[in-house]
């Protein structure tokens, strides 16, 4: 799968070889309007550090609760972005293993009359 950034790079390369932008976009399969759209650099540094701090402070909370806390703080709006950073940082909630009740095995008594058991 080719990403949009790779397609944009291919269009720029073809344009440097004196191919028109229209033809380059058609060859690469990239939208001309997307080629003109300015790139926004996304810095997740502040969000990443705040998410890690909240996960340390509340170790039992999963990403949905932490996301809601970030929304209240007006740090983030997109749930998928929070989940992506949560996964990249390895902030999984540890699930407790179920404790198995240890009971000694006792042989079952055989009833000797009707309705005894």
N, C-alpha and C. Protein backbone atom coordinates (compact mmCIF):
# COMPACT_ATOMS: atom_id res chain seq x y z
N UNK A 1 0.85 -1.18 0.00
CA UNK A 1 0.00 0.00 0.00
C UNK A 1 0.89 1.24 0.00
N UNK A 2 0.61 2.14 -0.89
CA UNK A 2 1.40 3.35 -1.03
C UNK A 2 0.71 4.46 -0.27
N UNK A 3 1.45 5.17 0.57
CA UNK A 3 0.86 6.24 1.37
C UNK A 3 0.78 7.52 0.55
N UNK A 4 0.01 8.47 1.07
CA UNK A 4 -0.15 9.75 0.39
C UNK A 4 1.18 10.51 0.34
N UNK A 5 1.99 10.37 1.37
CA UNK A 5 3.28 11.05 1.39
C UNK A 5 4.18 10.51 0.29
N UNK A 6 4.15 9.19 0.08
CA UNK A 6 4.96 8.60 -0.99
C UNK A 6 4.45 9.03 -2.37
N UNK A 7 3.16 9.12 -2.53
CA UNK A 7 2.60 9.57 -3.80
C UNK A 7 2.97 11.03 -4.05
N UNK A 8 2.92 11.84 -3.00
CA UNK A 8 3.29 13.25 -3.15
C UNK A 8 4.75 13.36 -3.58
N UNK A 9 5.60 12.53 -2.98
CA UNK A 9 7.01 12.53 -3.36
C UNK A 9 7.22 12.11 -4.81
N UNK A 10 6.43 11.12 -5.26
CA UNK A 10 6.54 10.67 -6.64
C UNK A 10 6.10 11.77 -7.60
N UNK A 11 5.04 12.50 -7.24
CA UNK A 11 4.58 13.61 -8.08
C UNK A 11 5.65 14.70 -8.14
N UNK A 12 6.27 15.02 -7.02
CA UNK A 12 7.32 16.03 -7.01
C UNK A 12 8.51 15.59 -7.85
N UNK A 13 8.84 14.30 -7.79
CA UNK A 13 9.96 13.78 -8.59
C UNK A 13 9.66 13.89 -10.08
N UNK A 14 8.43 13.52 -10.47
CA UNK A 14 8.07 13.63 -11.88
C UNK A 14 8.03 15.08 -12.34
N UNK A 15 7.60 15.98 -11.47
CA UNK A 15 7.60 17.40 -11.83
C UNK A 15 9.01 17.92 -12.02
N UNK A 16 9.97 17.38 -11.24
CA UNK A 16 11.36 17.81 -11.42
C UNK A 16 11.94 17.28 -12.73
N UNK A 17 11.33 16.24 -13.30
CA UNK A 17 11.77 15.70 -14.59
C UNK A 17 11.04 16.35 -15.75
N UNK A 18 10.44 17.49 -15.53
CA UNK A 18 9.74 18.30 -16.53
C UNK A 18 8.45 17.65 -17.03
N UNK A 19 7.77 16.91 -16.16
CA UNK A 19 6.45 16.36 -16.49
C UNK A 19 5.43 17.30 -15.85
N UNK A 20 4.35 17.59 -16.57
CA UNK A 20 3.35 18.50 -16.02
C UNK A 20 2.72 17.91 -14.77
N UNK A 21 2.23 18.81 -13.93
CA UNK A 21 1.62 18.36 -12.66
C UNK A 21 0.38 17.52 -12.93
N UNK A 22 -0.38 17.91 -13.92
CA UNK A 22 -1.60 17.17 -14.25
C UNK A 22 -1.27 15.75 -14.66
N UNK A 23 -0.27 15.59 -15.53
CA UNK A 23 0.10 14.26 -16.00
C UNK A 23 0.75 13.45 -14.88
N UNK A 24 1.58 14.09 -14.06
CA UNK A 24 2.25 13.39 -12.96
C UNK A 24 1.22 12.85 -11.96
N UNK A 25 0.23 13.65 -11.65
CA UNK A 25 -0.82 13.22 -10.71
C UNK A 25 -1.62 12.06 -11.30
N UNK A 26 -1.89 12.13 -12.61
CA UNK A 26 -2.64 11.07 -13.25
C UNK A 26 -1.84 9.77 -13.26
N UNK A 27 -0.52 9.86 -13.53
CA UNK A 27 0.32 8.66 -13.57
C UNK A 27 0.43 8.00 -12.19
N UNK A 28 0.57 8.83 -11.16
CA UNK A 28 0.77 8.30 -9.81
C UNK A 28 -0.55 7.90 -9.18
N UNK A 29 -1.65 8.49 -9.66
CA UNK A 29 -2.95 8.20 -9.05
C UNK A 29 -3.18 9.05 -7.82
N UNK A 30 -2.77 10.31 -7.91
CA UNK A 30 -2.86 11.24 -6.78
C UNK A 30 -3.73 12.42 -7.20
N UNK A 31 -4.57 12.87 -6.32
CA UNK A 31 -5.48 13.96 -6.62
C UNK A 31 -4.71 15.28 -6.75
N UNK A 32 -5.06 16.08 -7.75
CA UNK A 32 -4.37 17.36 -7.93
C UNK A 32 -4.67 18.32 -6.79
N UNK A 33 -5.89 18.26 -6.29
CA UNK A 33 -6.23 19.15 -5.17
C UNK A 33 -5.45 18.75 -3.93
N UNK A 34 -5.20 17.45 -3.76
CA UNK A 34 -4.40 17.00 -2.62
C UNK A 34 -2.94 17.39 -2.81
N UNK A 35 -2.48 17.44 -4.06
CA UNK A 35 -1.10 17.85 -4.32
C UNK A 35 -0.90 19.31 -3.95
N UNK A 36 -1.93 20.11 -4.13
CA UNK A 36 -1.83 21.53 -3.78
C UNK A 36 -2.08 21.80 -2.31
N UNK A 37 -2.71 20.85 -1.63
CA UNK A 37 -3.07 21.05 -0.23
C UNK A 37 -1.81 21.12 0.62
N UNK A 38 -1.65 22.18 1.44
CA UNK A 38 -0.42 22.30 2.24
C UNK A 38 -0.36 21.25 3.34
N UNK A 39 0.83 20.72 3.58
CA UNK A 39 1.01 19.72 4.61
C UNK A 39 1.01 20.38 5.98
N UNK A 40 0.32 19.75 6.92
CA UNK A 40 0.32 20.23 8.30
C UNK A 40 1.18 19.29 9.11
N UNK A 41 2.16 19.83 9.77
CA UNK A 41 2.98 18.97 10.62
C UNK A 41 2.25 18.79 11.94
N UNK A 42 2.19 17.56 12.38
CA UNK A 42 1.47 17.26 13.61
C UNK A 42 2.48 16.89 14.68
N UNK A 43 2.45 17.63 15.74
CA UNK A 43 3.36 17.30 16.84
C UNK A 43 2.52 16.72 17.98
N UNK A 44 2.79 15.49 18.30
CA UNK A 44 2.05 14.81 19.36
C UNK A 44 2.81 14.85 20.68
N UNK A 45 3.86 15.64 20.77
CA UNK A 45 4.71 15.63 21.96
C UNK A 45 3.97 15.97 23.24
N UNK A 46 3.22 17.06 23.24
CA UNK A 46 2.51 17.49 24.44
C UNK A 46 1.41 16.48 24.80
N UNK A 47 0.69 16.04 23.78
CA UNK A 47 -0.38 15.07 24.00
C UNK A 47 0.19 13.75 24.52
N UNK A 48 1.29 13.33 23.92
CA UNK A 48 1.93 12.07 24.31
C UNK A 48 2.39 12.12 25.77
N UNK A 49 3.01 13.22 26.16
CA UNK A 49 3.50 13.33 27.55
C UNK A 49 2.35 13.41 28.54
N UNK A 50 1.27 14.12 28.18
CA UNK A 50 0.12 14.23 29.08
C UNK A 50 -0.59 12.88 29.22
N UNK A 51 -0.69 12.13 28.11
CA UNK A 51 -1.32 10.81 28.16
C UNK A 51 -0.50 9.86 29.03
N UNK A 52 0.82 9.92 28.92
CA UNK A 52 1.66 9.07 29.76
C UNK A 52 1.53 9.45 31.23
N UNK A 53 1.45 10.76 31.50
CA UNK A 53 1.30 11.21 32.89
C UNK A 53 -0.02 10.73 33.48
N UNK A 54 -1.10 10.85 32.70
CA UNK A 54 -2.41 10.41 33.18
C UNK A 54 -2.43 8.89 33.37
N UNK A 55 -1.78 8.16 32.48
CA UNK A 55 -1.74 6.70 32.60
C UNK A 55 -0.94 6.28 33.83
N UNK A 56 0.10 7.04 34.17
CA UNK A 56 0.85 6.75 35.40
C UNK A 56 0.02 7.05 36.63
N UNK A 57 -0.70 8.16 36.57
CA UNK A 57 -1.50 8.60 37.72
C UNK A 57 -2.70 7.69 37.94
N UNK A 58 -3.31 7.21 36.85
CA UNK A 58 -4.48 6.34 36.92
C UNK A 58 -4.18 5.03 36.18
N UNK A 59 -3.46 4.11 36.80
CA UNK A 59 -3.06 2.89 36.08
C UNK A 59 -4.20 1.94 35.74
N UNK A 60 -5.33 2.06 36.40
CA UNK A 60 -6.46 1.16 36.13
C UNK A 60 -7.33 1.63 34.97
N UNK A 61 -7.12 2.87 34.51
CA UNK A 61 -7.96 3.41 33.45
C UNK A 61 -7.43 2.99 32.08
N UNK A 62 -8.34 2.64 31.20
CA UNK A 62 -7.98 2.30 29.83
C UNK A 62 -8.00 3.55 28.96
N UNK A 63 -7.79 3.35 27.67
CA UNK A 63 -7.71 4.52 26.81
C UNK A 63 -9.03 5.29 26.67
N UNK A 64 -10.22 4.66 26.74
CA UNK A 64 -11.43 5.49 26.61
C UNK A 64 -11.58 6.50 27.75
N UNK A 65 -11.29 6.07 28.97
CA UNK A 65 -11.40 6.99 30.11
C UNK A 65 -10.33 8.08 30.03
N UNK A 66 -9.11 7.68 29.66
CA UNK A 66 -8.04 8.67 29.53
C UNK A 66 -8.35 9.65 28.41
N UNK A 67 -8.97 9.16 27.34
CA UNK A 67 -9.37 10.05 26.24
C UNK A 67 -10.39 11.07 26.73
N UNK A 68 -11.37 10.60 27.51
CA UNK A 68 -12.38 11.52 28.04
C UNK A 68 -11.74 12.58 28.93
N UNK A 69 -10.73 12.19 29.70
CA UNK A 69 -10.03 13.16 30.55
C UNK A 69 -9.28 14.18 29.70
N UNK A 70 -8.69 13.73 28.59
CA UNK A 70 -8.00 14.66 27.70
C UNK A 70 -8.97 15.60 27.00
N UNK A 71 -10.17 15.11 26.69
CA UNK A 71 -11.18 15.97 26.06
C UNK A 71 -11.61 17.05 27.03
N UNK A 72 -11.76 16.69 28.30
CA UNK A 72 -12.14 17.68 29.32
C UNK A 72 -11.06 18.76 29.43
N UNK A 73 -9.79 18.34 29.31
CA UNK A 73 -8.67 19.28 29.37
C UNK A 73 -8.46 20.02 28.05
N UNK A 74 -9.26 19.73 27.03
CA UNK A 74 -9.18 20.30 25.69
C UNK A 74 -7.78 20.06 25.10
N UNK A 75 -7.27 18.85 25.27
CA UNK A 75 -5.99 18.46 24.70
C UNK A 75 -6.17 17.78 23.36
N UNK A 76 -7.27 17.03 23.21
CA UNK A 76 -7.45 16.23 22.01
C UNK A 76 -8.94 16.12 21.70
N UNK A 77 -9.25 15.87 20.44
CA UNK A 77 -10.64 15.70 20.04
C UNK A 77 -10.85 14.31 19.44
N UNK A 78 -9.85 13.79 18.72
CA UNK A 78 -10.03 12.56 17.96
C UNK A 78 -9.67 11.33 18.78
N UNK A 79 -10.62 10.43 18.94
CA UNK A 79 -10.43 9.20 19.72
C UNK A 79 -9.40 8.28 19.08
N UNK A 80 -9.38 8.21 17.74
CA UNK A 80 -8.43 7.34 17.06
C UNK A 80 -7.00 7.80 17.27
N UNK A 81 -6.81 9.09 17.35
CA UNK A 81 -5.47 9.63 17.60
C UNK A 81 -5.00 9.26 19.00
N UNK A 82 -5.89 9.37 19.97
CA UNK A 82 -5.55 8.97 21.34
C UNK A 82 -5.21 7.49 21.38
N UNK A 83 -5.98 6.67 20.70
CA UNK A 83 -5.73 5.24 20.70
C UNK A 83 -4.39 4.91 20.04
N UNK A 84 -4.06 5.61 18.94
CA UNK A 84 -2.79 5.37 18.26
C UNK A 84 -1.61 5.67 19.17
N UNK A 85 -1.66 6.80 19.86
CA UNK A 85 -0.57 7.16 20.77
C UNK A 85 -0.53 6.20 21.95
N UNK A 86 -1.70 5.80 22.44
CA UNK A 86 -1.80 4.86 23.55
C UNK A 86 -1.12 3.54 23.19
N UNK A 87 -1.34 3.07 21.96
CA UNK A 87 -0.74 1.82 21.50
C UNK A 87 0.77 1.98 21.31
N UNK A 88 1.20 3.11 20.72
CA UNK A 88 2.63 3.32 20.46
C UNK A 88 3.43 3.38 21.76
N UNK A 89 2.83 3.92 22.79
CA UNK A 89 3.53 4.03 24.07
C UNK A 89 3.44 2.75 24.90
N UNK A 90 2.64 1.80 24.45
CA UNK A 90 2.52 0.53 25.17
C UNK A 90 1.83 0.68 26.50
N UNK A 91 0.79 1.48 26.56
CA UNK A 91 0.10 1.78 27.82
C UNK A 91 -1.10 0.88 28.04
N UNK A 92 -0.94 -0.42 27.90
CA UNK A 92 -2.06 -1.33 28.08
C UNK A 92 -2.35 -1.55 29.56
N UNK A 93 -3.63 -1.62 29.90
CA UNK A 93 -4.04 -1.92 31.27
C UNK A 93 -3.81 -3.41 31.49
N UNK A 94 -3.16 -3.73 32.58
CA UNK A 94 -2.88 -5.13 32.88
C UNK A 94 -4.13 -5.76 33.48
N UNK A 95 -4.56 -6.86 32.90
CA UNK A 95 -5.73 -7.55 33.43
C UNK A 95 -5.28 -8.57 34.47
N UNK A 96 -6.03 -8.64 35.55
CA UNK A 96 -5.69 -9.58 36.61
C UNK A 96 -6.09 -10.99 36.20
N UNK A 97 -5.24 -11.94 36.54
CA UNK A 97 -5.59 -13.32 36.27
C UNK A 97 -6.59 -13.79 37.32
N UNK A 98 -7.52 -14.63 36.90
CA UNK A 98 -8.55 -15.12 37.79
C UNK A 98 -7.94 -16.10 38.77
N UNK A 99 -8.23 -15.87 40.04
CA UNK A 99 -7.73 -16.78 41.07
C UNK A 99 -8.60 -18.03 41.10
N UNK A 100 -7.96 -19.16 41.02
CA UNK A 100 -8.69 -20.41 41.02
C UNK A 100 -8.85 -20.88 42.46
N UNK A 101 -10.05 -21.20 42.83
CA UNK A 101 -10.33 -21.65 44.18
C UNK A 101 -9.84 -23.09 44.34
N UNK A 102 -8.97 -23.29 45.30
CA UNK A 102 -8.42 -24.62 45.52
C UNK A 102 -9.30 -25.39 46.50
N UNK A 103 -9.92 -26.46 46.04
CA UNK A 103 -10.74 -27.31 46.89
C UNK A 103 -10.17 -28.72 46.84
N UNK A 104 -10.04 -29.33 47.98
CA UNK A 104 -9.55 -30.70 47.94
C UNK A 104 -10.61 -31.62 47.35
N UNK A 105 -10.15 -32.55 46.56
CA UNK A 105 -11.10 -33.49 45.94
C UNK A 105 -11.51 -34.54 46.95
N UNK A 106 -12.80 -34.71 47.08
CA UNK A 106 -13.33 -35.72 48.01
C UNK A 106 -14.20 -36.68 47.21
N UNK A 107 -14.12 -37.92 47.51
CA UNK A 107 -14.96 -38.87 46.76
C UNK A 107 -16.43 -38.65 47.10
N UNK A 108 -17.26 -38.83 46.12
CA UNK A 108 -18.69 -38.62 46.30
C UNK A 108 -19.29 -39.83 47.04
N UNK A 109 -20.10 -39.50 48.00
CA UNK A 109 -20.73 -40.59 48.77
C UNK A 109 -21.88 -41.19 47.96
N UNK A 110 -21.96 -42.47 48.00
CA UNK A 110 -23.01 -43.17 47.25
C UNK A 110 -24.24 -43.25 48.15
N UNK A 111 -25.39 -42.78 47.68
CA UNK A 111 -26.60 -42.85 48.50
C UNK A 111 -27.05 -44.30 48.67
N UNK A 112 -27.56 -44.54 49.85
CA UNK A 112 -28.00 -45.90 50.14
C UNK A 112 -29.52 -46.04 50.15
N UNK A 113 -30.25 -44.90 50.17
CA UNK A 113 -31.71 -44.95 50.17
C UNK A 113 -32.22 -43.91 49.20
N UNK A 114 -33.54 -43.92 48.96
CA UNK A 114 -34.16 -42.95 48.06
C UNK A 114 -34.18 -41.58 48.76
N UNK A 115 -33.99 -40.51 47.97
CA UNK A 115 -34.01 -39.11 48.44
C UNK A 115 -32.95 -38.84 49.52
N UNK A 116 -31.87 -39.52 49.48
CA UNK A 116 -30.85 -39.32 50.51
C UNK A 116 -29.93 -38.17 50.12
N UNK A 117 -29.69 -37.98 48.86
CA UNK A 117 -28.75 -36.98 48.44
C UNK A 117 -29.41 -35.64 48.26
